[in-house]
Amino acid sequence: MSYQSVIEQLRTSTDRQVMEAYRRYGLGLITEAQFVQLAAAVIAEANNSAVTVADVALSAELTRLSGIAHAPLGILPFSGDQRRLEKGVRTLLDEVAVTGDITERLTRFARTEPLTAANNAYSTAVTGSPSVEGWVRQMDGDPCQLCQWWWRGGRVWPKSHRMAHHKGCSCTQRVVTVDRVKAVAR
């Protein structure tokens, strides 16, 4: 199973759990405060899992490319996620009075958060790995125009260059290892 498909499964599972909590809130089975805490906790846990998956995925890719085992770097999730996510869920609930329905926005929030956490963690791992020299943007199966422009014809970026993402972007960094970079003749 590919890194992208694992992250997609995580996004789908997170969305399903958050929407089930929202359904229970709508039925009056849980309070607003309980819903906010539960939804934020589900998303925070997904973010933590996404960080771990990204770190392990890079170590697996480096092992595959080099034939030598590479341990994960131990990238840690952001510690302030619960409070930030609770604020985000509350903001969405405040929208109910204005729009009447927040299911689409809640789904987008639940699906985007783990993807963003994975993208940030993978980028951090790429930057921190001594085995990585650079990266090429690997677009998803149906890249948007912006992602195609960011691809820049397969340009190899230095590992210190942060990969640009937009909300919902599932493009990843395909690493270029140190042993694959050829010296430039002068």
Protein backbone atom coordinates (compact mmCIF):
# COMPACT_ATOMS: atom_id res chain seq x y z
CA MET A 1 0.00 0.00 0.00
CA SER A 2 1.42 3.39 -0.96
CA TYR A 3 2.02 6.32 1.37
CA GLN A 4 -0.65 8.34 -0.46
CA SER A 5 -3.25 5.57 -0.12
CA VAL A 6 -2.57 5.18 3.62
CA ILE A 7 -3.02 8.93 4.11
CA GLU A 8 -6.22 8.82 2.03
CA GLN A 9 -7.60 6.02 4.22
CA LEU A 10 -6.73 8.06 7.31
CA ARG A 11 -8.53 11.09 5.88
CA THR A 12 -11.64 9.04 5.06
CA SER A 13 -11.71 7.43 8.50
CA THR A 14 -11.31 10.81 10.21
CA ASP A 15 -14.13 12.31 8.17
CA ARG A 16 -16.41 9.37 8.96
CA GLN A 17 -15.74 9.60 12.72
CA VAL A 18 -16.21 13.38 12.86
CA MET A 19 -19.44 13.20 10.87
CA GLU A 20 -20.75 10.45 13.17
CA ALA A 21 -20.01 12.69 16.17
CA TYR A 22 -21.80 15.56 14.41
CA ARG A 23 -24.79 13.31 13.75
CA ARG A 24 -24.94 12.38 17.44
CA TYR A 25 -24.70 16.05 18.37
CA GLY A 26 -27.54 16.85 15.96
CA LEU A 27 -29.69 14.16 17.61
CA GLY A 28 -28.99 15.62 21.05
CA LEU A 29 -27.07 12.55 22.22
CA ILE A 30 -24.01 14.64 23.09
CA THR A 31 -23.64 18.29 24.05
CA GLU A 32 -21.98 20.95 21.93
CA ALA A 33 -18.97 20.97 24.26
CA GLN A 34 -18.67 17.17 23.97
CA PHE A 35 -18.91 17.36 20.19
CA VAL A 36 -16.21 20.04 20.01
CA GLN A 37 -13.86 18.01 22.22
CA LEU A 38 -14.60 14.74 20.45
CA ALA A 39 -14.22 16.09 16.92
CA ALA A 40 -10.98 17.88 17.84
CA ALA A 41 -9.63 14.75 19.56
CA VAL A 42 -10.43 12.56 16.53
CA ILE A 43 -8.69 15.01 14.19
CA ALA A 44 -5.73 15.44 16.55
CA GLU A 45 -5.27 11.67 16.72
CA ALA A 46 -5.43 11.48 12.92
CA ASN A 47 -2.83 14.25 12.70
CA ASN A 48 -0.55 12.31 15.07
CA SER A 49 -0.98 9.17 12.97
CA ALA A 50 -0.31 11.14 9.78
CA VAL A 51 2.97 12.44 11.22
CA THR A 52 4.06 8.90 12.10
CA VAL A 53 3.04 7.54 8.69
CA ALA A 54 5.00 10.30 6.93
CA ASP A 55 8.14 9.67 8.99
CA VAL A 56 7.97 5.91 8.44
CA ALA A 57 7.17 6.36 4.73
CA LEU A 58 10.33 8.40 4.19
CA SER A 59 12.47 5.84 6.02
CA ALA A 60 10.91 3.05 3.90
CA GLU A 61 11.55 5.01 0.70
CA LEU A 62 15.18 5.67 1.65
CA THR A 63 15.62 1.98 2.51
CA ARG A 64 14.15 1.01 -0.87
CA LEU A 65 16.37 3.42 -2.77
CA SER A 66 19.62 2.58 -0.99
CA GLY A 67 19.17 -1.05 0.01
CA ILE A 68 20.31 -0.03 3.51
CA ALA A 69 17.92 0.20 6.45
CA HIS A 70 17.03 3.78 7.42
CA ALA A 71 15.36 4.38 10.77
CA PRO A 72 12.57 6.95 11.03
CA LEU A 73 13.79 10.31 12.32
CA GLY A 74 11.21 10.48 15.11
CA ILE A 75 9.30 13.52 13.86
CA LEU A 76 6.94 14.67 16.62
CA PRO A 77 3.42 16.01 16.11
CA PHE A 78 2.57 19.59 17.04
CA SER A 79 1.77 19.63 20.77
CA GLY A 80 -0.86 22.40 20.67
CA ASP A 81 -3.19 20.70 18.21
CA GLN A 82 -6.13 19.95 20.53
CA ARG A 83 -6.75 23.58 21.49
CA ARG A 84 -6.29 24.82 17.91
CA LEU A 85 -8.63 22.15 16.55
CA GLU A 86 -11.29 22.86 19.18
CA LYS A 87 -11.21 26.50 18.11
CA GLY A 88 -11.63 25.42 14.48
CA VAL A 89 -14.61 23.19 15.28
CA ARG A 90 -16.23 25.96 17.35
CA THR A 91 -15.76 28.38 14.46
CA LEU A 92 -17.55 25.95 12.15
CA LEU A 93 -20.40 25.55 14.64
CA ASP A 94 -20.77 29.33 14.73
CA GLU A 95 -21.35 29.14 10.96
CA VAL A 96 -24.49 27.03 11.46
CA ALA A 97 -26.43 30.14 12.47
CA VAL A 98 -25.38 31.85 9.24
CA THR A 99 -25.36 29.04 6.67
CA GLY A 100 -27.66 26.49 8.27
CA ASP A 101 -25.40 23.55 7.37
CA ILE A 102 -21.72 22.95 7.98
CA THR A 103 -21.36 19.34 6.83
CA GLU A 104 -19.29 20.19 3.75
CA ARG A 105 -16.99 22.51 5.68
CA LEU A 106 -16.70 20.03 8.56
CA THR A 107 -15.79 17.28 6.09
CA ARG A 108 -13.20 19.50 4.44
CA PHE A 109 -11.72 20.36 7.87
CA ALA A 110 -11.62 16.69 8.96
CA ARG A 111 -10.01 15.57 5.69
CA THR A 112 -7.55 18.43 5.23
CA GLU A 113 -6.01 18.43 8.70
CA PRO A 114 -4.37 14.96 8.55
CA LEU A 115 -3.17 15.62 5.01
CA THR A 116 -1.55 18.89 6.08
CA ALA A 117 0.05 17.19 9.10
CA ALA A 118 1.45 14.44 6.85
CA ASN A 119 2.76 16.93 4.28
CA ASN A 120 4.47 19.02 6.95
CA ALA A 121 5.98 15.98 8.68
CA TYR A 122 7.26 14.47 5.43
CA SER A 123 8.85 17.78 4.49
CA THR A 124 10.45 18.05 7.94
CA ALA A 125 11.81 14.51 7.61
CA VAL A 126 13.18 15.24 4.12
CA THR A 127 14.93 18.35 5.42
CA GLY A 128 16.35 16.48 8.43
CA SER A 129 17.63 13.40 6.62
CA PRO A 130 21.35 13.34 5.80
CA SER A 131 20.61 10.82 3.03
CA VAL A 132 18.41 13.22 1.08
CA GLU A 133 19.90 15.78 -1.26
CA GLY A 134 16.72 17.12 -2.78
CA TRP A 135 13.26 16.29 -4.02
CA VAL A 136 10.96 16.37 -7.04
CA ARG A 137 7.25 17.12 -6.79
CA GLN A 138 5.30 13.90 -7.29
CA MET A 139 1.82 14.89 -8.34
CA ASP A 140 -1.29 12.94 -7.42
CA GLY A 141 -3.33 11.11 -10.05
CA ASP A 142 -5.35 14.17 -11.04
CA PRO A 143 -3.16 17.24 -10.47
CA CYS A 144 -4.67 20.69 -10.62
CA GLN A 145 -3.20 23.48 -12.74
CA LEU A 146 -1.39 25.00 -9.76
CA CYS A 147 0.29 21.69 -8.87
CA GLN A 148 1.36 21.25 -12.49
CA TRP A 149 2.89 24.71 -12.44
CA TRP A 150 4.66 23.99 -9.14
CA TRP A 151 6.03 20.77 -10.68
CA ARG A 152 8.20 22.91 -13.01
CA GLY A 153 8.86 20.09 -15.43
CA GLY A 154 10.27 17.76 -12.78
CA ARG A 155 12.78 20.19 -11.31
CA VAL A 156 14.94 18.84 -8.47
CA TRP A 157 14.63 21.17 -5.49
CA PRO A 158 17.17 21.29 -2.66
CA LYS A 159 15.93 19.53 0.46
CA SER A 160 15.82 22.83 2.36
CA HIS A 161 13.21 24.23 -0.08
CA ARG A 162 9.72 23.78 1.40
CA MET A 163 7.24 22.15 -0.94
CA ALA A 164 4.24 24.35 -1.64
CA HIS A 165 0.80 22.86 -0.99
CA HIS A 166 -2.75 24.12 -1.21
CA LYS A 167 -5.70 22.86 0.84
CA GLY A 168 -6.48 19.32 -0.20
CA CYS A 169 -3.26 18.91 -2.20
CA SER A 170 -2.05 15.31 -2.01
CA CYS A 171 1.15 15.74 -4.01
CA THR A 172 4.24 14.41 -2.25
CA GLN A 173 7.98 14.84 -2.38
CA ARG A 174 9.87 12.16 -4.29
CA VAL A 175 13.31 12.21 -2.71
CA VAL A 176 16.62 12.42 -4.52
CA THR A 177 19.31 10.74 -2.45
CA VAL A 178 22.90 11.88 -1.97
CA ASP A 179 24.34 8.91 -3.89
CA ARG A 180 22.21 9.75 -6.96
CA VAL A 181 23.43 13.33 -7.34
CA LYS A 182 26.20 13.62 -9.88
CA ALA A 183 29.00 16.11 -9.42
CA VAL A 184 29.01 19.07 -11.78
CA ALA A 185 32.14 19.32 -13.93
CA ARG A 186 33.76 22.73 -13.75
